[in-house]
PDB file of N, CA and C in Angstrom:
ATOM      1  N   MET A   1      33.988  85.352 127.672  1.00  0.00           N
ATOM      2  CA  MET A   1      33.075  86.654 127.345  1.00  0.00           C
ATOM      3  C   MET A   1      33.167  86.869 125.712  1.00  0.00           C
ATOM      4  N   ARG A   2      32.067  87.534 125.015  1.00  0.00           N
ATOM      5  CA  ARG A   2      31.983  87.801 123.475  1.00  0.00           C
ATOM      6  C   ARG A   2      32.461  88.941 123.050  1.00  0.00           C
ATOM      7  N   GLN A   3      33.318  89.065 121.882  1.00  0.00           N
ATOM      8  CA  GLN A   3      33.720  90.721 121.650  1.00  0.00           C
ATOM      9  C   GLN A   3      33.393  90.334 120.017  1.00  0.00           C
ATOM     10  N   ARG A   4      33.505  92.101 120.030  1.00  0.00           N
ATOM     11  CA  ARG A   4      33.240  91.863 118.422  1.00  0.00           C
ATOM     12  C   ARG A   4      33.854  93.268 118.095  1.00  0.00           C
ATOM     13  N   TYR A   5      34.452  93.084 116.677  1.00  0.00           N
ATOM     14  CA  TYR A   5      35.268  93.923 116.124  1.00  0.00           C
ATOM     15  C   TYR A   5      34.752  95.424 115.927  1.00  0.00           C
ATOM     16  N   CYS A   6      35.244  96.535 116.486  1.00  0.00           N
ATOM     17  CA  CYS A   6      34.374  97.841 115.751  1.00  0.00           C
ATOM     18  C   CYS A   6      35.056  98.478 114.646  1.00  0.00           C
ATOM     19  N   ARG A   7      34.026  98.914 113.823  1.00  0.00           N
ATOM     20  CA  ARG A   7      34.102  99.453 112.620  1.00  0.00           C
ATOM     21  C   ARG A   7      34.885 101.091 112.821  1.00  0.00           C
ATOM     22  N   LYS A   8      34.258 101.079 113.888  1.00  0.00           N
ATOM     23  CA  LYS A   8      35.125 102.592 114.442  1.00  0.00           C
ATOM     24  C   LYS A   8      36.081 102.751 114.644  1.00  0.00           C
ATOM     25  N   CYS A   9      36.734 102.104 115.642  1.00  0.00           N
ATOM     26  CA  CYS A   9      38.074 102.526 115.823  1.00  0.00           C
ATOM     27  C   CYS A   9      39.131 101.391 115.554  1.00  0.00           C
ATOM     28  N   GLY A  10      38.348 100.328 115.114  1.00  0.00           N
ATOM     29  CA  GLY A  10      39.904  99.155 114.461  1.00  0.00           C
ATOM     30  C   GLY A  10      39.648  98.136 115.902  1.00  0.00           C
ATOM     31  N   GLU A  11      39.203  98.035 116.614  1.00  0.00           N
ATOM     32  CA  GLU A  11      39.838  97.294 117.608  1.00  0.00           C
ATOM     33  C   GLU A  11      38.146  96.371 118.481  1.00  0.00           C
ATOM     34  N   TRP A  12      39.007  95.402 119.402  1.00  0.00           N
ATOM     35  CA  TRP A  12      38.032  94.480 119.538  1.00  0.00           C
ATOM     36  C   TRP A  12      37.190  95.059 120.840  1.00  0.00           C
ATOM     37  N   HIS A  13      36.011  94.866 121.036  1.00  0.00           N
ATOM     38  CA  HIS A  13      35.203  95.024 122.425  1.00  0.00           C
ATOM     39  C   HIS A  13      34.392  94.148 122.700  1.00  0.00           C
ATOM     40  N   ALA A  14      34.397  93.782 124.201  1.00  0.00           N
ATOM     41  CA  ALA A  14      33.243  93.366 124.766  1.00  0.00           C
ATOM     42  C   ALA A  14      31.937  93.623 124.623  1.00  0.00           C
ATOM     43  N   LEU A  15      30.993  92.693 124.369  1.00  0.00           N
ATOM     44  CA  LEU A  15      29.881  93.193 123.926  1.00  0.00           C
ATOM     45  C   LEU A  15      28.839  93.765 124.976  1.00  0.00           C
ATOM     46  N   GLU A  16      29.685  93.417 126.068  1.00  0.00           N
ATOM     47  CA  GLU A  16      28.756  93.667 127.571  1.00  0.00           C
ATOM     48  C   GLU A  16      28.916  95.026 128.133  1.00  0.00           C
ATOM     49  N   ALA A  17      30.271  95.238 127.661  1.00  0.00           N
ATOM     50  CA  ALA A  17      30.726  96.877 127.839  1.00  0.00           C
ATOM     51  C   ALA A  17      31.072  97.593 126.616  1.00  0.00           C
ATOM     52  N   TRP A  18      30.700  97.854 125.636  1.00  0.00           N
ATOM     53  CA  TRP A  18      31.121  98.292 124.641  1.00  0.00           C
ATOM     54  C   TRP A  18      31.120  99.913 125.019  1.00  0.00           C
ATOM     55  N   PRO A  19      32.041 100.238 124.516  1.00  0.00           N
ATOM     56  CA  PRO A  19      32.773 101.979 124.804  1.00  0.00           C
ATOM     57  C   PRO A  19      31.127 102.722 124.230  1.00  0.00           C
ATOM     58  N   PRO A  20      31.334 104.060 124.939  1.00  0.00           N
ATOM     59  CA  PRO A  20      30.235 105.129 124.424  1.00  0.00           C
ATOM     60  C   PRO A  20      30.570 105.846 122.868  1.00  0.00           C
ATOM     61  N   ASP A  21      32.151 105.737 123.138  1.00  0.00           N
ATOM     62  CA  ASP A  21      32.683 106.682 121.760  1.00  0.00           C
ATOM     63  C   ASP A  21      32.697 105.851 120.490  1.00  0.00           C
ATOM     64  N   CYS A  22      32.424 104.700 120.412  1.00  0.00           N
ATOM     65  CA  CYS A  22      31.844 104.066 119.733  1.00  0.00           C
ATOM     66  C   CYS A  22      31.191 103.337 118.817  1.00  0.00           C
ATOM     67  N   PHE A  23      29.775 103.861 119.649  1.00  0.00           N
ATOM     68  CA  PHE A  23      28.561 103.811 119.350  1.00  0.00           C
ATOM     69  C   PHE A  23      28.307 104.301 117.901  1.00  0.00           C
ATOM     70  N   ALA A  24      27.208 103.925 116.972  1.00  0.00           N
ATOM     71  CA  ALA A  24      27.059 104.872 116.149  1.00  0.00           C
ATOM     72  C   ALA A  24      26.504 106.086 115.922  1.00  0.00           C
ATOM     73  N   ARG A  25      26.385 106.885 115.320  1.00  0.00           N
ATOM     74  CA  ARG A  25      25.848 108.130 115.403  1.00  0.00           C
ATOM     75  C   ARG A  25      24.927 108.141 114.749  1.00  0.00           C
ATOM     76  N   ALA A  26      23.561 109.075 114.896  1.00  0.00           N
ATOM     77  CA  ALA A  26      22.835 108.943 114.061  1.00  0.00           C
ATOM     78  C   ALA A  26      22.961 109.785 113.070  1.00  0.00           C
ATOM     79  N   HIS A  27      22.506 110.144 111.641  1.00  0.00           N
ATOM     80  CA  HIS A  27      22.752 110.608 110.934  1.00  0.00           C
ATOM     81  C   HIS A  27      22.217 111.991 110.697  1.00  0.00           C
ATOM     82  N   VAL A  28      23.226 112.740 110.304  1.00  0.00           N
ATOM     83  CA  VAL A  28      23.182 114.314 110.808  1.00  0.00           C
ATOM     84  C   VAL A  28      21.888 114.846 109.841  1.00  0.00           C
ATOM     85  N   SER A  29      21.889 114.270 108.642  1.00  0.00           N
ATOM     86  CA  SER A  29      21.096 114.380 107.183  1.00  0.00           C
ATOM     87  C   SER A  29      19.701 113.921 107.428  1.00  0.00           C
ATOM     88  N   CYS A  30      19.092 112.934 108.135  1.00  0.00           N
ATOM     89  CA  CYS A  30      18.159 112.725 108.673  1.00  0.00           C
ATOM     90  C   CYS A  30      17.236 113.838 108.937  1.00  0.00           C
ATOM     91  N   SER A  31      15.484 113.481 108.782  1.00  0.00           N
ATOM     92  CA  SER A  31      14.983 114.676 109.425  1.00  0.00           C
ATOM     93  C   SER A  31      14.376 114.039 110.559  1.00  0.00           C
ATOM     94  N   ASN A  32      13.456 114.553 111.304  1.00  0.00           N
ATOM     95  CA  ASN A  32      13.204 114.186 112.558  1.00  0.00           C
ATOM     96  C   ASN A  32      11.464 114.040 112.020  1.00  0.00           C
ATOM     97  N   LEU A  33      11.206 114.576 110.973  1.00  0.00           N
ATOM     98  CA  LEU A  33       9.360 114.170 110.639  1.00  0.00           C
ATOM     99  C   LEU A  33       9.501 113.066 110.383  1.00  0.00           C
ATOM    100  N   SER A  34       7.994 112.749 110.699  1.00  0.00           N
ATOM    101  CA  SER A  34       7.572 110.779 110.663  1.00  0.00           C
ATOM    102  C   SER A  34       7.932 110.426 109.190  1.00  0.00           C
ATOM    103  N   SER A  35       7.625 111.471 108.612  1.00  0.00           N
ATOM    104  CA  SER A  35       7.397 111.173 106.798  1.00  0.00           C
ATOM    105  C   SER A  35       8.016 112.187 105.798  1.00  0.00           C
ATOM    106  N   PRO A  36       9.803 112.497 105.923  1.00  0.00           N
ATOM    107  CA  PRO A  36       9.810 113.315 105.151  1.00  0.00           C
ATOM    108  C   PRO A  36       9.712 113.349 103.980  1.00  0.00           C
ATOM    109  N   ASN A  37       9.177 112.370 103.156  1.00  0.00           N
ATOM    110  CA  ASN A  37       9.063 112.371 101.637  1.00  0.00           C
ATOM    111  C   ASN A  37       8.114 112.339 101.347  1.00  0.00           C
ATOM    112  N   PHE A  38       7.130 112.487 101.936  1.00  0.00           N
ATOM    113  CA  PHE A  38       5.421 112.695 101.673  1.00  0.00           C
ATOM    114  C   PHE A  38       5.363 113.733 100.377  1.00  0.00           C
ATOM    115  N   ILE A  39       4.767 112.685  99.297  1.00  0.00           N
ATOM    116  CA  ILE A  39       3.793 113.646  98.364  1.00  0.00           C
ATOM    117  C   ILE A  39       2.371 113.816  98.158  1.00  0.00           C
ATOM    118  N   SER A  40       1.722 114.748  98.177  1.00  0.00           N
ATOM    119  CA  SER A  40       0.483 114.630  98.085  1.00  0.00           C
ATOM    120  C   SER A  40      -0.206 114.683  96.911  1.00  0.00           C
ATOM    121  N   ASP A  41      -1.801 113.906  96.893  1.00  0.00           N
ATOM    122  CA  ASP A  41      -1.838 114.156  95.892  1.00  0.00           C
ATOM    123  C   ASP A  41      -2.562 115.007  95.382  1.00  0.00           C
ATOM    124  N   THR A  42      -2.830 115.599  96.288  1.00  0.00           N
ATOM    125  CA  THR A  42      -3.532 117.335  95.816  1.00  0.00           C
ATOM    126  C   THR A  42      -2.915 117.992  95.168  1.00  0.00           C
ATOM    127  N   LEU A  43      -3.637 118.932  94.143  1.00  0.00           N
ATOM    128  CA  LEU A  43      -2.939 119.972  93.702  1.00  0.00           C
ATOM    129  C   LEU A  43      -3.596 121.076  93.538  1.00  0.00           C
ATOM    130  N   ASP A  44      -3.646 122.439  92.737  1.00  0.00           N
ATOM    131  CA  ASP A  44      -4.293 123.454  92.536  1.00  0.00           C
ATOM    132  C   ASP A  44      -5.014 123.194  91.909  1.00  0.00           C
ATOM    133  N   PRO A  45      -6.440 124.004  91.360  1.00  0.00           N
ATOM    134  CA  PRO A  45      -6.777 123.244  90.416  1.00  0.00           C
ATOM    135  C   PRO A  45      -6.778 123.601  88.920  1.00  0.00           C
ATOM    136  N   VAL A  46      -6.765 122.605  88.176  1.00  0.00           N
ATOM    137  CA  VAL A  46      -5.909 122.824  86.754  1.00  0.00           C
ATOM    138  C   VAL A  46      -7.057 121.970  86.104  1.00  0.00           C
ATOM    139  N   GLN A  47      -6.723 123.064  85.006  1.00  0.00           N
ATOM    140  CA  GLN A  47      -8.075 122.584  83.847  1.00  0.00           C
ATOM    141  C   GLN A  47      -7.337 121.402  83.167  1.00  0.00           C
ATOM    142  N   SER A  48      -7.765 120.289  82.522  1.00  0.00           N
ATOM    143  CA  SER A  48      -7.158 119.267  81.973  1.00  0.00           C
ATOM    144  C   SER A  48      -7.063 119.843  80.135  1.00  0.00           C
ATOM    145  N   GLN A  49      -6.058 119.598  79.570  1.00  0.00           N
ATOM    146  CA  GLN A  49      -5.988 119.671  78.184  1.00  0.00           C
ATOM    147  C   GLN A  49      -6.508 118.800  77.367  1.00  0.00           C
ATOM    148  N   LEU A  50      -7.035 117.685  77.679  1.00  0.00           N
ATOM    149  CA  LEU A  50      -7.643 116.599  77.191  1.00  0.00           C
ATOM    150  C   LEU A  50      -9.401 116.578  77.075  1.00  0.00           C
ATOM    151  N   ASP A  51      -9.969 117.167  78.193  1.00  0.00           N
ATOM    152  CA  ASP A  51     -11.595 117.081  77.917  1.00  0.00           C
ATOM    153  C   ASP A  51     -11.973 118.626  78.793  1.00  0.00           C
ATOM    154  N   GLY A  52     -11.067 119.419  79.261  1.00  0.00           N
ATOM    155  CA  GLY A  52     -11.383 120.901  79.670  1.00  0.00           C
ATOM    156  C   GLY A  52     -12.203 120.843  80.920  1.00  0.00           C
ATOM    157  N   ARG A  53     -12.087 119.813  81.949  1.00  0.00           N
ATOM    158  CA  ARG A  53     -12.140 119.521  83.111  1.00  0.00           C
ATOM    159  C   ARG A  53     -11.647 120.307  84.304  1.00  0.00           C
ATOM    160  N   ILE A  54     -12.028 120.775  85.313  1.00  0.00           N
ATOM    161  CA  ILE A  54     -11.039 121.169  86.493  1.00  0.00           C
ATOM    162  C   ILE A  54     -10.708 120.095  87.261  1.00  0.00           C
ATOM    163  N   TYR A  55      -9.781 119.663  87.604  1.00  0.00           N
ATOM    164  CA  TYR A  55      -9.150 118.463  88.414  1.00  0.00           C
ATOM    165  C   TYR A  55      -8.297 119.181  89.309  1.00  0.00           C
ATOM    166  N   ASP A  56      -8.510 118.699  90.775  1.00  0.00           N
ATOM    167  CA  ASP A  56      -7.665 119.155  91.832  1.00  0.00           C
ATOM    168  C   ASP A  56      -6.948 117.495  92.499  1.00  0.00           C
ATOM    169  N   SER A  57      -6.887 116.810  91.752  1.00  0.00           N
ATOM    170  CA  SER A  57      -6.326 115.383  92.286  1.00  0.00           C
ATOM    171  C   SER A  57      -5.418 115.018  90.722  1.00  0.00           C
ATOM    172  N   LYS A  58      -3.965 114.449  91.412  1.00  0.00           N
ATOM    173  CA  LYS A  58      -3.097 114.294  90.121  1.00  0.00           C
ATOM    174  C   LYS A  58      -3.238 113.208  89.653  1.00  0.00           C
ATOM    175  N   SER A  59      -3.971 112.326  90.584  1.00  0.00           N
ATOM    176  CA  SER A  59      -4.543 110.912  90.215  1.00  0.00           C
ATOM    177  C   SER A  59      -5.506 110.898  89.520  1.00  0.00           C
ATOM    178  N   ARG A  60      -6.517 111.495  89.813  1.00  0.00           N
ATOM    179  CA  ARG A  60      -7.711 111.567  88.651  1.00  0.00           C
ATOM    180  C   ARG A  60      -7.449 112.336  87.448  1.00  0.00           C
ATOM    181  N   LEU A  61      -6.452 113.283  86.964  1.00  0.00           N
ATOM    182  CA  LEU A  61      -6.054 113.760  86.082  1.00  0.00           C
ATOM    183  C   LEU A  61      -5.309 112.594  85.006  1.00  0.00           C
ATOM    184  N   ARG A  62      -4.546 111.925  85.762  1.00  0.00           N
ATOM    185  CA  ARG A  62      -3.572 111.249  85.170  1.00  0.00           C
ATOM    186  C   ARG A  62      -4.584 109.741  84.440  1.00  0.00           C
ATOM    187  N   GLU A  63      -5.461 109.767  85.526  1.00  0.00           N
ATOM    188  CA  GLU A  63      -6.352 108.851  85.135  1.00  0.00           C
ATOM    189  C   GLU A  63      -7.098 108.919  83.760  1.00  0.00           C
ATOM    190  N   THR A  64      -7.590 109.907  83.840  1.00  0.00           N
ATOM    191  CA  THR A  64      -7.990 110.272  82.028  1.00  0.00           C
ATOM    192  C   THR A  64      -6.896 110.390  80.913  1.00  0.00           C
ATOM    193  N   TYR A  65      -5.724 110.522  81.309  1.00  0.00           N
ATOM    194  CA  TYR A  65      -4.834 110.790  80.193  1.00  0.00           C
ATOM    195  C   TYR A  65      -4.588 109.396  79.990  1.00  0.00           C
ATOM    196  N   ARG A  66      -4.463 108.853  81.356  1.00  0.00           N
ATOM    197  CA  ARG A  66      -4.248 107.267  80.708  1.00  0.00           C
ATOM    198  C   ARG A  66      -5.271 106.347  79.937  1.00  0.00           C
ATOM    199  N   ASN A  67      -6.398 106.625  79.988  1.00  0.00           N
ATOM    200  CA  ASN A  67      -7.606 106.028  79.676  1.00  0.00           C
ATOM    201  C   ASN A  67      -7.952 106.249  78.462  1.00  0.00           C
ATOM    202  N   ALA A  68      -7.455 107.545  77.576  1.00  0.00           N
ATOM    203  CA  ALA A  68      -7.297 108.562  76.504  1.00  0.00           C
ATOM    204  C   ALA A  68      -6.223 107.750  75.787  1.00  0.00           C
ATOM    205  N   GLY A  69      -5.100 107.034  76.524  1.00  0.00           N
ATOM    206  CA  GLY A  69      -4.259 106.871  75.648  1.00  0.00           C
ATOM    207  C   GLY A  69      -3.151 107.969  75.127  1.00  0.00           C
ATOM    208  N   VAL A  70      -3.017 109.138  76.269  1.00  0.00           N
ATOM    209  CA  VAL A  70      -2.461 110.070  76.394  1.00  0.00           C
ATOM    210  C   VAL A  70      -1.004 110.017  76.933  1.00  0.00           C
ATOM    211  N   VAL A  71       0.022 110.521  76.647  1.00  0.00           N
ATOM    212  CA  VAL A  71       1.486 110.731  77.155  1.00  0.00           C
ATOM    213  C   VAL A  71       1.327 112.019  77.716  1.00  0.00           C
ATOM    214  N   GLU A  72       1.548 112.100  79.058  1.00  0.00           N
ATOM    215  CA  GLU A  72       1.780 113.141  79.798  1.00  0.00           C
ATOM    216  C   GLU A  72       3.514 113.496  79.563  1.00  0.00           C
ATOM    217  N   VAL A  73       3.725 114.831  79.169  1.00  0.00           N
ATOM    218  CA  VAL A  73       4.990 115.227  79.086  1.00  0.00           C
ATOM    219  C   VAL A  73       5.811 115.869  79.897  1.00  0.00           C
ATOM    220  N   GLY A  74       4.763 116.771  80.473  1.00  0.00           N
ATOM    221  CA  GLY A  74       5.534 117.647  80.999  1.00  0.00           C
ATOM    222  C   GLY A  74       6.415 119.182  80.571  1.00  0.00           C
ATOM    223  N   ASN A  75       7.351 119.221  81.523  1.00  0.00           N
ATOM    224  CA  ASN A  75       8.608 120.147  80.932  1.00  0.00           C
ATOM    225  C   ASN A  75       9.682 120.055  80.343  1.00  0.00           C
ATOM    226  N   ASP A  76       9.680 118.549  80.278  1.00  0.00           N
ATOM    227  CA  ASP A  76      11.049 117.590  79.956  1.00  0.00           C
ATOM    228  C   ASP A  76      11.942 118.127  78.673  1.00  0.00           C
ATOM    229  N   SER A  77      12.862 118.666  78.951  1.00  0.00           N
ATOM    230  CA  SER A  77      13.487 119.189  77.985  1.00  0.00           C
ATOM    231  C   SER A  77      13.653 117.941  76.814  1.00  0.00           C
ATOM    232  N   SER A  78      14.044 116.952  77.415  1.00  0.00           N
ATOM    233  CA  SER A  78      14.271 115.716  76.613  1.00  0.00           C
ATOM    234  C   SER A  78      13.551 114.912  75.751  1.00  0.00           C
ATOM    235  N   VAL A  79      12.142 115.427  75.728  1.00  0.00           N
ATOM    236  CA  VAL A  79      11.169 115.258  75.113  1.00  0.00           C
ATOM    237  C   VAL A  79      10.692 116.477  74.160  1.00  0.00           C
ATOM    238  N   MET A  80      10.251 117.615  74.408  1.00  0.00           N
ATOM    239  CA  MET A  80      10.405 118.434  73.957  1.00  0.00           C
ATOM    240  C   MET A  80      11.316 118.974  72.965  1.00  0.00           C
ATOM    241  N   ASN A  81      12.774 118.995  73.570  1.00  0.00           N
ATOM    242  CA  ASN A  81      13.753 119.031  72.284  1.00  0.00           C
ATOM    243  C   ASN A  81      14.754 118.166  72.393  1.00  0.00           C
ATOM    244  N   PRO A  82      14.882 117.154  71.527  1.00  0.00           N
ATOM    245  CA  PRO A  82      15.347 115.963  71.778  1.00  0.00           C
ATOM    246  C   PRO A  82      16.841 116.319  71.052  1.00  0.00           C
ATOM    247  N   VAL A  83      17.845 115.818  71.476  1.00  0.00           N
ATOM    248  CA  VAL A  83      19.276 115.888  71.115  1.00  0.00           C
ATOM    249  C   VAL A  83      19.248 115.088  69.706  1.00  0.00           C
ATOM    250  N   PRO A  84      19.722 115.669  68.612  1.00  0.00           N
ATOM    251  CA  PRO A  84      19.567 114.394  67.572  1.00  0.00           C
ATOM    252  C   PRO A  84      20.542 113.856  67.785  1.00  0.00           C
ATOM    253  N   LYS A  85      20.620 112.408  66.721  1.00  0.00           N
ATOM    254  CA  LYS A  85      21.999 111.375  66.867  1.00  0.00           C
ATOM    255  C   LYS A  85      22.936 111.861  66.134  1.00  0.00           C
ATOM    256  N   ARG A  86      24.011 111.797  67.064  1.00  0.00           N
ATOM    257  CA  ARG A  86      25.198 111.801  66.102  1.00  0.00           C
ATOM    258  C   ARG A  86      25.399 110.563  64.930  1.00  0.00           C
ATOM    259  N   PRO A  87      26.052 110.740  63.981  1.00  0.00           N
ATOM    260  CA  PRO A  87      26.126 110.076  62.871  1.00  0.00           C
ATOM    261  C   PRO A  87      27.914 109.016  63.667  1.00  0.00           C
ATOM    262  N   PRO A  88      27.779 107.784  63.333  1.00  0.00           N
ATOM    263  CA  PRO A  88      28.828 107.300  63.963  1.00  0.00           C
ATOM    264  C   PRO A  88      30.417 107.739  63.517  1.00  0.00           C
ATOM    265  N   GLY A  89      31.380 107.286  64.378  1.00  0.00           N
ATOM    266  CA  GLY A  89      32.480 108.160  64.294  1.00  0.00           C
ATOM    267  C   GLY A  89      33.320 107.135  63.051  1.00  0.00           C
ATOM    268  N   ILE A  90      34.513 107.783  62.361  1.00  0.00           N
ATOM    269  CA  ILE A  90      35.058 106.930  61.471  1.00  0.00           C
ATOM    270  C   ILE A  90      36.135 106.568  62.046  1.00  0.00           C
ATOM    271  N   LYS A  91      36.661 105.219  61.568  1.00  0.00           N
ATOM    272  CA  LYS A  91      37.565 104.578  62.370  1.00  0.00           C
ATOM    273  C   LYS A  91      38.625 104.623  61.639  1.00  0.00           C
ATOM    274  N   ARG A  92      39.935 104.707  62.654  1.00  0.00           N
ATOM    275  CA  ARG A  92      41.172 104.990  61.399  1.00  0.00           C
ATOM    276  C   ARG A  92      41.522 104.105  61.028  1.00  0.00           C
ATOM    277  N   GLU A  93      41.304 102.562  60.792  1.00  0.00           N
ATOM    278  CA  GLU A  93      41.592 101.213  60.003  1.00  0.00           C
ATOM    279  C   GLU A  93      40.594 101.454  58.708  1.00  0.00           C
ATOM    280  N   ASP A  94      39.350 102.466  58.870  1.00  0.00           N
ATOM    281  CA  ASP A  94      38.751 102.574  57.564  1.00  0.00           C
ATOM    282  C   ASP A  94      39.331 103.461  56.761  1.00  0.00           C
ATOM    283  N   ILE A  95      39.744 104.725  57.248  1.00  0.00           N
ATOM    284  CA  ILE A  95      40.910 105.728  56.612  1.00  0.00           C
ATOM    285  C   ILE A  95      41.677 105.003  56.018  1.00  0.00           C
ATOM    286  N   LYS A  96      42.594 104.100  56.610  1.00  0.00           N
ATOM    287  CA  LYS A  96      44.026 103.612  56.308  1.00  0.00           C
ATOM    288  C   LYS A  96      43.640 102.686  54.927  1.00  0.00           C
ATOM    289  N   ALA A  97      42.095 102.044  54.830  1.00  0.00           N
ATOM    290  CA  ALA A  97      42.011 101.284  54.008  1.00  0.00           C
ATOM    291  C   ALA A  97      41.626 102.162  52.869  1.00  0.00           C
ATOM    292  N   SER A  98      40.975 102.937  52.632  1.00  0.00           N
ATOM    293  CA  SER A  98      40.357 103.679  52.014  1.00  0.00           C
ATOM    294  C   SER A  98      41.563 104.754  51.392  1.00  0.00           C
ATOM    295  N   VAL A  99      42.664 105.272  52.095  1.00  0.00           N
ATOM    296  CA  VAL A  99      44.004 105.438  51.509  1.00  0.00           C
ATOM    297  C   VAL A  99      44.307 104.484  50.602  1.00  0.00           C
ATOM    298  N   ALA A 100      45.086 103.312  51.387  1.00  0.00           N
ATOM    299  CA  ALA A 100      45.941 102.515  50.409  1.00  0.00           C
ATOM    300  C   ALA A 100      44.734 101.859  49.702  1.00  0.00           C
ATOM    301  N   LYS A 101      43.589 101.931  49.023  1.00  0.00           N
ATOM    302  CA  LYS A 101      42.648 101.552  47.984  1.00  0.00           C
ATOM    303  C   LYS A 101      42.932 102.780  46.588  1.00  0.00           C
ATOM    304  N   ALA A 102      43.127 103.830  47.337  1.00  0.00           N
ATOM    305  CA  ALA A 102      43.073 105.094  46.195  1.00  0.00           C
ATOM    306  C   ALA A 102      44.643 104.748  46.047  1.00  0.00           C
ATOM    307  N   PHE A 103      45.271 104.719  46.517  1.00  0.00           N
ATOM    308  CA  PHE A 103      47.198 104.506  46.071  1.00  0.00           C
ATOM    309  C   PHE A 103      47.172 103.536  45.290  1.00  0.00           C
ATOM    310  N   SER A 104      46.819 102.278  45.620  1.00  0.00           N
ATOM    311  CA  SER A 104      46.336 100.987  44.668  1.00  0.00           C
ATOM    312  C   SER A 104      45.730 101.409  43.585  1.00  0.00           C
ATOM    313  N   ARG A 105      44.845 102.210  43.324  1.00  0.00           N
ATOM    314  CA  ARG A 105      44.005 102.673  41.726  1.00  0.00           C
ATOM    315  C   ARG A 105      45.038 103.517  41.144  1.00  0.00           C
ATOM    316  N   ALA A 106      45.555 104.510  41.926  1.00  0.00           N
ATOM    317  CA  ALA A 106      46.593 105.384  41.003  1.00  0.00           C
ATOM    318  C   ALA A 106      48.101 104.404  40.707  1.00  0.00           C
ATOM    319  N   GLY A 107      48.333 103.272  41.193  1.00  0.00           N
ATOM    320  CA  GLY A 107      49.400 102.893  40.770  1.00  0.00           C
ATOM    321  C   GLY A 107      50.525 102.936  41.498  1.00  0.00           C
ATOM    322  N   PHE A 108      50.507 103.242  42.540  1.00  0.00           N
ATOM    323  CA  PHE A 108      51.719 104.116  44.013  1.00  0.00           C
ATOM    324  C   PHE A 108      51.828 102.813  44.908  1.00  0.00           C
ATOM    325  N   GLY A 109      50.717 101.724  45.067  1.00  0.00           N
ATOM    326  CA  GLY A 109      50.363 100.993  45.693  1.00  0.00           C
ATOM    327  C   GLY A 109      51.638  99.762  45.405  1.00  0.00           C
ATOM    328  N   SER A 110      51.347  98.657  46.533  1.00  0.00           N
ATOM    329  CA  SER A 110      52.370  97.417  46.115  1.00  0.00           C
ATOM    330  C   SER A 110      51.561  96.605  45.562  1.00  0.00           C
TER     331      SER A 110
END
Protein backbone atom coordinates (compact mmCIF):
# COMPACT_ATOMS: atom_id res chain seq x y z
CA MET A 1 0.00 0.00 0.00
CA ARG A 2 1.43 3.38 -1.04
CA GLN A 3 1.29 6.18 1.48
CA ARG A 4 2.06 9.84 1.45
CA TYR A 5 2.70 12.37 4.21
CA CYS A 6 -0.18 14.85 4.69
CA ARG A 7 0.97 18.43 5.19
CA LYS A 8 -2.41 19.44 6.55
CA CYS A 9 -2.72 17.05 9.51
CA GLY A 10 0.88 15.79 9.75
CA GLU A 11 0.09 12.07 9.40
CA TRP A 12 0.60 9.41 6.73
CA HIS A 13 -2.40 8.38 4.58
CA ALA A 14 -2.96 5.71 1.96
CA LEU A 15 -3.22 7.20 -1.51
CA GLU A 16 -6.25 5.06 -2.33
CA ALA A 17 -8.22 6.24 0.74
CA TRP A 18 -7.23 9.86 1.32
CA PRO A 19 -9.39 11.46 4.06
CA PRO A 20 -11.78 14.15 2.78
CA ASP A 21 -10.74 16.57 5.54
CA CYS A 22 -7.15 16.56 4.26
CA PHE A 23 -7.91 17.65 0.69
CA ALA A 24 -6.54 21.07 -0.15
CA ARG A 25 -9.16 23.76 -0.12
CA ALA A 26 -9.48 26.19 -3.04
CA HIS A 27 -8.09 29.65 -2.34
CA VAL A 28 -10.87 31.89 -1.12
CA SER A 29 -9.23 34.96 -2.64
CA CYS A 30 -9.32 33.49 -6.17
CA SER A 31 -11.99 34.73 -8.52
CA ASN A 32 -14.39 32.58 -10.51
CA LEU A 33 -13.86 34.77 -13.57
CA SER A 34 -11.91 33.26 -16.43
CA SER A 35 -9.48 36.19 -16.60
CA PRO A 36 -9.67 38.46 -13.55
CA ASN A 37 -6.58 40.50 -14.45
CA PHE A 38 -7.58 41.41 -17.98
CA ILE A 39 -6.35 44.88 -19.02
CA SER A 40 -8.01 46.39 -22.05
CA ASP A 41 -6.14 48.28 -24.77
CA THR A 42 -9.01 50.70 -25.32
CA LEU A 43 -9.46 53.95 -23.47
CA ASP A 44 -11.70 56.99 -23.64
CA PRO A 45 -10.65 59.23 -26.56
CA VAL A 46 -7.65 61.29 -25.50
CA GLN A 47 -5.68 63.96 -27.33
CA SER A 48 -1.97 63.31 -27.67
CA GLN A 49 0.33 65.95 -26.21
CA LEU A 50 2.84 65.12 -28.92
CA ASP A 51 0.96 65.45 -32.21
CA GLY A 52 -2.53 66.66 -31.21
CA ARG A 53 -4.35 63.63 -32.68
CA ILE A 54 -7.15 61.82 -30.87
CA TYR A 55 -6.36 58.24 -29.80
CA ASP A 56 -8.60 55.52 -28.35
CA SER A 57 -5.90 52.84 -28.11
CA LYS A 58 -3.15 52.80 -25.47
CA SER A 59 -0.74 50.90 -27.71
CA ARG A 60 -1.14 53.33 -30.65
CA LEU A 61 -0.62 56.35 -28.39
CA ARG A 62 2.47 54.83 -26.77
CA GLU A 63 3.80 53.79 -30.18
CA THR A 64 3.83 57.45 -31.31
CA TYR A 65 5.62 58.42 -28.09
CA ARG A 66 8.18 55.65 -28.57
CA ASN A 67 8.82 56.58 -32.22
CA ALA A 68 9.40 60.21 -31.24
CA GLY A 69 11.79 59.22 -28.44
CA VAL A 70 9.53 60.72 -25.76
CA VAL A 71 9.13 59.19 -22.30
CA GLU A 72 5.60 58.91 -20.91
CA VAL A 73 5.71 60.06 -17.31
CA GLY A 74 2.12 60.04 -16.09
CA ASN A 75 1.55 61.23 -12.53
CA ASP A 76 4.34 59.31 -10.81
CA SER A 77 5.44 61.50 -7.90
CA SER A 78 8.98 60.06 -7.90
CA VAL A 79 9.57 61.52 -11.38
CA MET A 80 7.68 64.78 -10.96
CA ASN A 81 9.02 65.57 -7.46
CA PRO A 82 12.25 63.63 -6.95
CA VAL A 83 13.59 63.40 -3.41
CA PRO A 84 17.00 65.08 -3.20
CA LYS A 85 19.87 62.78 -2.28
CA ARG A 86 21.22 63.16 1.23
CA PRO A 87 24.92 63.68 1.72
CA PRO A 88 26.63 60.64 3.20
CA GLY A 89 26.67 60.53 6.99
CA ILE A 90 29.77 61.40 8.96
CA LYS A 91 31.54 58.41 10.48
CA ARG A 92 32.45 58.36 14.16
CA GLU A 93 36.05 57.42 13.31
CA ASP A 94 36.40 60.53 11.14
CA ILE A 95 35.18 62.74 14.01
CA LYS A 96 37.67 61.14 16.42
CA ALA A 97 40.49 61.60 13.92
CA SER A 98 39.57 65.26 13.40
CA VAL A 99 39.44 65.95 17.14
CA ALA A 100 42.78 64.19 17.68
CA LYS A 101 44.32 66.25 14.88
CA ALA A 102 43.01 69.49 16.42
CA PHE A 103 44.35 68.56 19.86
CA SER A 104 47.71 67.65 18.32
CA ARG A 105 47.95 71.00 16.54
CA ALA A 106 47.09 72.83 19.76
CA GLY A 107 49.84 70.97 21.62
CA PHE A 108 47.57 68.83 23.81
CA GLY A 109 48.08 65.59 21.91
CA SER A 110 50.50 62.79 22.56
